[in-house]
Amino acid sequence: MTSYLVLEAPNGPDRDHKTTRFIADRFVWLALIAPWLWLAINRLWLATAIVVLALLLAGQVSILAGFEPVGILCGFAIGLITALEGRDFLVRHLM
């Protein structure tokens, strides 16, 4: 069963609850495939910039002879961490 976190606006909820956000605590498949895209869609700009730089660095490492698996695993690890903890990044940003 999925648990949800309910966030209301600082001034309290509207009459029609348009500013109330329900955030599910679950795995994010888009963040696994394209972590930079998921972070940008959710307007986490600083995290997006850091992830883009880390993915570019992992790509450059994978070009080096003998380090191909390291670059690929680093890129996969970045996506996995974002997929598992992306909702927590979003909640901290909204709070």
C-alpha atoms as a PDB file:
ATOM      1  CA  MET A   1       0.000   0.000   0.000  1.00  0.00           C
ATOM      2  CA  THR A   2       1.351   3.399  -0.960  1.00  0.00           C
ATOM      3  CA  SER A   3       1.630   6.049   1.714  1.00  0.00           C
ATOM      4  CA  TYR A   4       1.075   9.705   0.861  1.00  0.00           C
ATOM      5  CA  LEU A   5       2.324  12.944   2.320  1.00  0.00           C
ATOM      6  CA  VAL A   6      -0.195  15.795   2.220  1.00  0.00           C
ATOM      7  CA  LEU A   7       1.207  19.327   2.007  1.00  0.00           C
ATOM      8  CA  GLU A   8      -0.910  22.442   2.357  1.00  0.00           C
ATOM      9  CA  ALA A   9      -0.069  26.043   1.530  1.00  0.00           C
ATOM     10  CA  PRO A  10       1.478  28.118   4.355  1.00  0.00           C
ATOM     11  CA  ASN A  11      -1.724  30.181   4.684  1.00  0.00           C
ATOM     12  CA  GLY A  12      -3.867  27.073   4.993  1.00  0.00           C
ATOM     13  CA  PRO A  13      -5.869  25.216   2.384  1.00  0.00           C
ATOM     14  CA  ASP A  14      -8.055  26.936  -0.209  1.00  0.00           C
ATOM     15  CA  ARG A  15     -11.770  26.268  -0.316  1.00  0.00           C
ATOM     16  CA  ASP A  16     -11.332  23.929  -3.266  1.00  0.00           C
ATOM     17  CA  HIS A  17      -7.894  22.588  -2.100  1.00  0.00           C
ATOM     18  CA  LYS A  18      -6.107  23.500  -5.341  1.00  0.00           C
ATOM     19  CA  THR A  19      -2.899  24.304  -3.439  1.00  0.00           C
ATOM     20  CA  THR A  20      -2.951  21.026  -1.487  1.00  0.00           C
ATOM     21  CA  ARG A  21      -0.340  18.540  -2.775  1.00  0.00           C
ATOM     22  CA  PHE A  22      -0.541  14.772  -2.352  1.00  0.00           C
ATOM     23  CA  ILE A  23       2.910  13.225  -2.797  1.00  0.00           C
ATOM     24  CA  ALA A  24       3.153   9.446  -2.990  1.00  0.00           C
ATOM     25  CA  ASP A  25       6.109   7.751  -1.323  1.00  0.00           C
ATOM     26  CA  ARG A  26       7.144   5.328  -4.067  1.00  0.00           C
ATOM     27  CA  PHE A  27       9.748   4.525  -6.693  1.00  0.00           C
ATOM     28  CA  VAL A  28       9.944   6.982  -9.627  1.00  0.00           C
ATOM     29  CA  TRP A  29      10.613   5.210 -12.934  1.00  0.00           C
ATOM     30  CA  LEU A  30      11.249   8.395 -14.912  1.00  0.00           C
ATOM     31  CA  ALA A  31      13.916   9.392 -12.394  1.00  0.00           C
ATOM     32  CA  LEU A  32      15.689   6.076 -12.971  1.00  0.00           C
ATOM     33  CA  ILE A  33      15.733   6.522 -16.747  1.00  0.00           C
ATOM     34  CA  ALA A  34      16.314  10.296 -16.932  1.00  0.00           C
ATOM     35  CA  PRO A  35      17.008  11.770 -13.480  1.00  0.00           C
ATOM     36  CA  TRP A  36      17.766  15.237 -14.839  1.00  0.00           C
ATOM     37  CA  LEU A  37      14.415  15.349 -16.628  1.00  0.00           C
ATOM     38  CA  TRP A  38      12.402  14.315 -13.563  1.00  0.00           C
ATOM     39  CA  LEU A  39      14.191  16.882 -11.399  1.00  0.00           C
ATOM     40  CA  ALA A  40      13.626  19.623 -13.996  1.00  0.00           C
ATOM     41  CA  ILE A  41       9.921  18.759 -14.323  1.00  0.00           C
ATOM     42  CA  ASN A  42       9.574  19.151 -10.549  1.00  0.00           C
ATOM     43  CA  ARG A  43      11.502  22.452 -10.615  1.00  0.00           C
ATOM     44  CA  LEU A  44      14.423  21.262  -8.509  1.00  0.00           C
ATOM     45  CA  TRP A  45      16.909  23.398 -10.399  1.00  0.00           C
ATOM     46  CA  LEU A  46      19.970  23.062  -8.174  1.00  0.00           C
ATOM     47  CA  ALA A  47      19.616  19.281  -8.008  1.00  0.00           C
ATOM     48  CA  THR A  48      19.115  19.220 -11.794  1.00  0.00           C
ATOM     49  CA  ALA A  49      22.357  21.116 -12.348  1.00  0.00           C
ATOM     50  CA  ILE A  50      24.276  18.833  -9.984  1.00  0.00           C
ATOM     51  CA  VAL A  51      22.889  15.675 -11.603  1.00  0.00           C
ATOM     52  CA  VAL A  52      23.654  16.942 -15.123  1.00  0.00           C
ATOM     53  CA  LEU A  53      27.241  17.702 -14.129  1.00  0.00           C
ATOM     54  CA  ALA A  54      27.609  14.313 -12.406  1.00  0.00           C
ATOM     55  CA  LEU A  55      26.205  12.491 -15.453  1.00  0.00           C
ATOM     56  CA  LEU A  56      28.534  14.398 -17.777  1.00  0.00           C
ATOM     57  CA  LEU A  57      31.461  13.481 -15.539  1.00  0.00           C
ATOM     58  CA  ALA A  58      30.372   9.823 -15.499  1.00  0.00           C
ATOM     59  CA  GLY A  59      30.146   9.931 -19.291  1.00  0.00           C
ATOM     60  CA  GLN A  60      33.656  11.325 -19.539  1.00  0.00           C
ATOM     61  CA  VAL A  61      34.972   8.635 -17.188  1.00  0.00           C
ATOM     62  CA  SER A  62      33.343   5.921 -19.288  1.00  0.00           C
ATOM     63  CA  ILE A  63      35.305   7.130 -22.334  1.00  0.00           C
ATOM     64  CA  LEU A  64      38.627   6.350 -20.638  1.00  0.00           C
ATOM     65  CA  ALA A  65      40.155   2.975 -21.460  1.00  0.00           C
ATOM     66  CA  GLY A  66      39.504   0.463 -18.700  1.00  0.00           C
ATOM     67  CA  PHE A  67      36.984   2.657 -16.880  1.00  0.00           C
ATOM     68  CA  GLU A  68      33.910   1.925 -19.014  1.00  0.00           C
ATOM     69  CA  PRO A  69      32.106  -0.071 -16.289  1.00  0.00           C
ATOM     70  CA  VAL A  70      32.843   2.584 -13.676  1.00  0.00           C
ATOM     71  CA  GLY A  71      31.214   5.359 -15.719  1.00  0.00           C
ATOM     72  CA  ILE A  72      28.191   3.224 -16.564  1.00  0.00           C
ATOM     73  CA  LEU A  73      27.725   2.163 -12.927  1.00  0.00           C
ATOM     74  CA  CYS A  74      28.067   5.765 -11.720  1.00  0.00           C
ATOM     75  CA  GLY A  75      25.393   6.895 -14.170  1.00  0.00           C
ATOM     76  CA  PHE A  76      23.108   4.056 -13.074  1.00  0.00           C
ATOM     77  CA  ALA A  77      23.760   4.849  -9.397  1.00  0.00           C
ATOM     78  CA  ILE A  78      22.815   8.497  -9.921  1.00  0.00           C
ATOM     79  CA  GLY A  79      19.545   7.436 -11.545  1.00  0.00           C
ATOM     80  CA  LEU A  80      18.831   4.875  -8.817  1.00  0.00           C
ATOM     81  CA  ILE A  81      19.441   7.342  -5.996  1.00  0.00           C
ATOM     82  CA  THR A  82      17.224   9.910  -7.692  1.00  0.00           C
ATOM     83  CA  ALA A  83      14.496   7.301  -8.269  1.00  0.00           C
ATOM     84  CA  LEU A  84      14.542   6.192  -4.638  1.00  0.00           C
ATOM     85  CA  GLU A  85      14.999   9.579  -2.955  1.00  0.00           C
ATOM     86  CA  GLY A  86      13.520  11.951  -5.539  1.00  0.00           C
ATOM     87  CA  ARG A  87      10.226  12.348  -3.710  1.00  0.00           C
ATOM     88  CA  ASP A  88      12.123  13.244  -0.539  1.00  0.00           C
ATOM     89  CA  PHE A  89      14.022  15.946  -2.477  1.00  0.00           C
ATOM     90  CA  LEU A  90      10.671  17.289  -3.685  1.00  0.00           C
ATOM     91  CA  VAL A  91       9.114  17.287  -0.197  1.00  0.00           C
ATOM     92  CA  ARG A  92      12.111  19.097   1.309  1.00  0.00           C
ATOM     93  CA  HIS A  93      11.934  21.673  -1.482  1.00  0.00           C
ATOM     94  CA  LEU A  94       8.217  22.288  -0.916  1.00  0.00           C
ATOM     95  CA  MET A  95       8.576  22.606   2.845  1.00  0.00           C
END
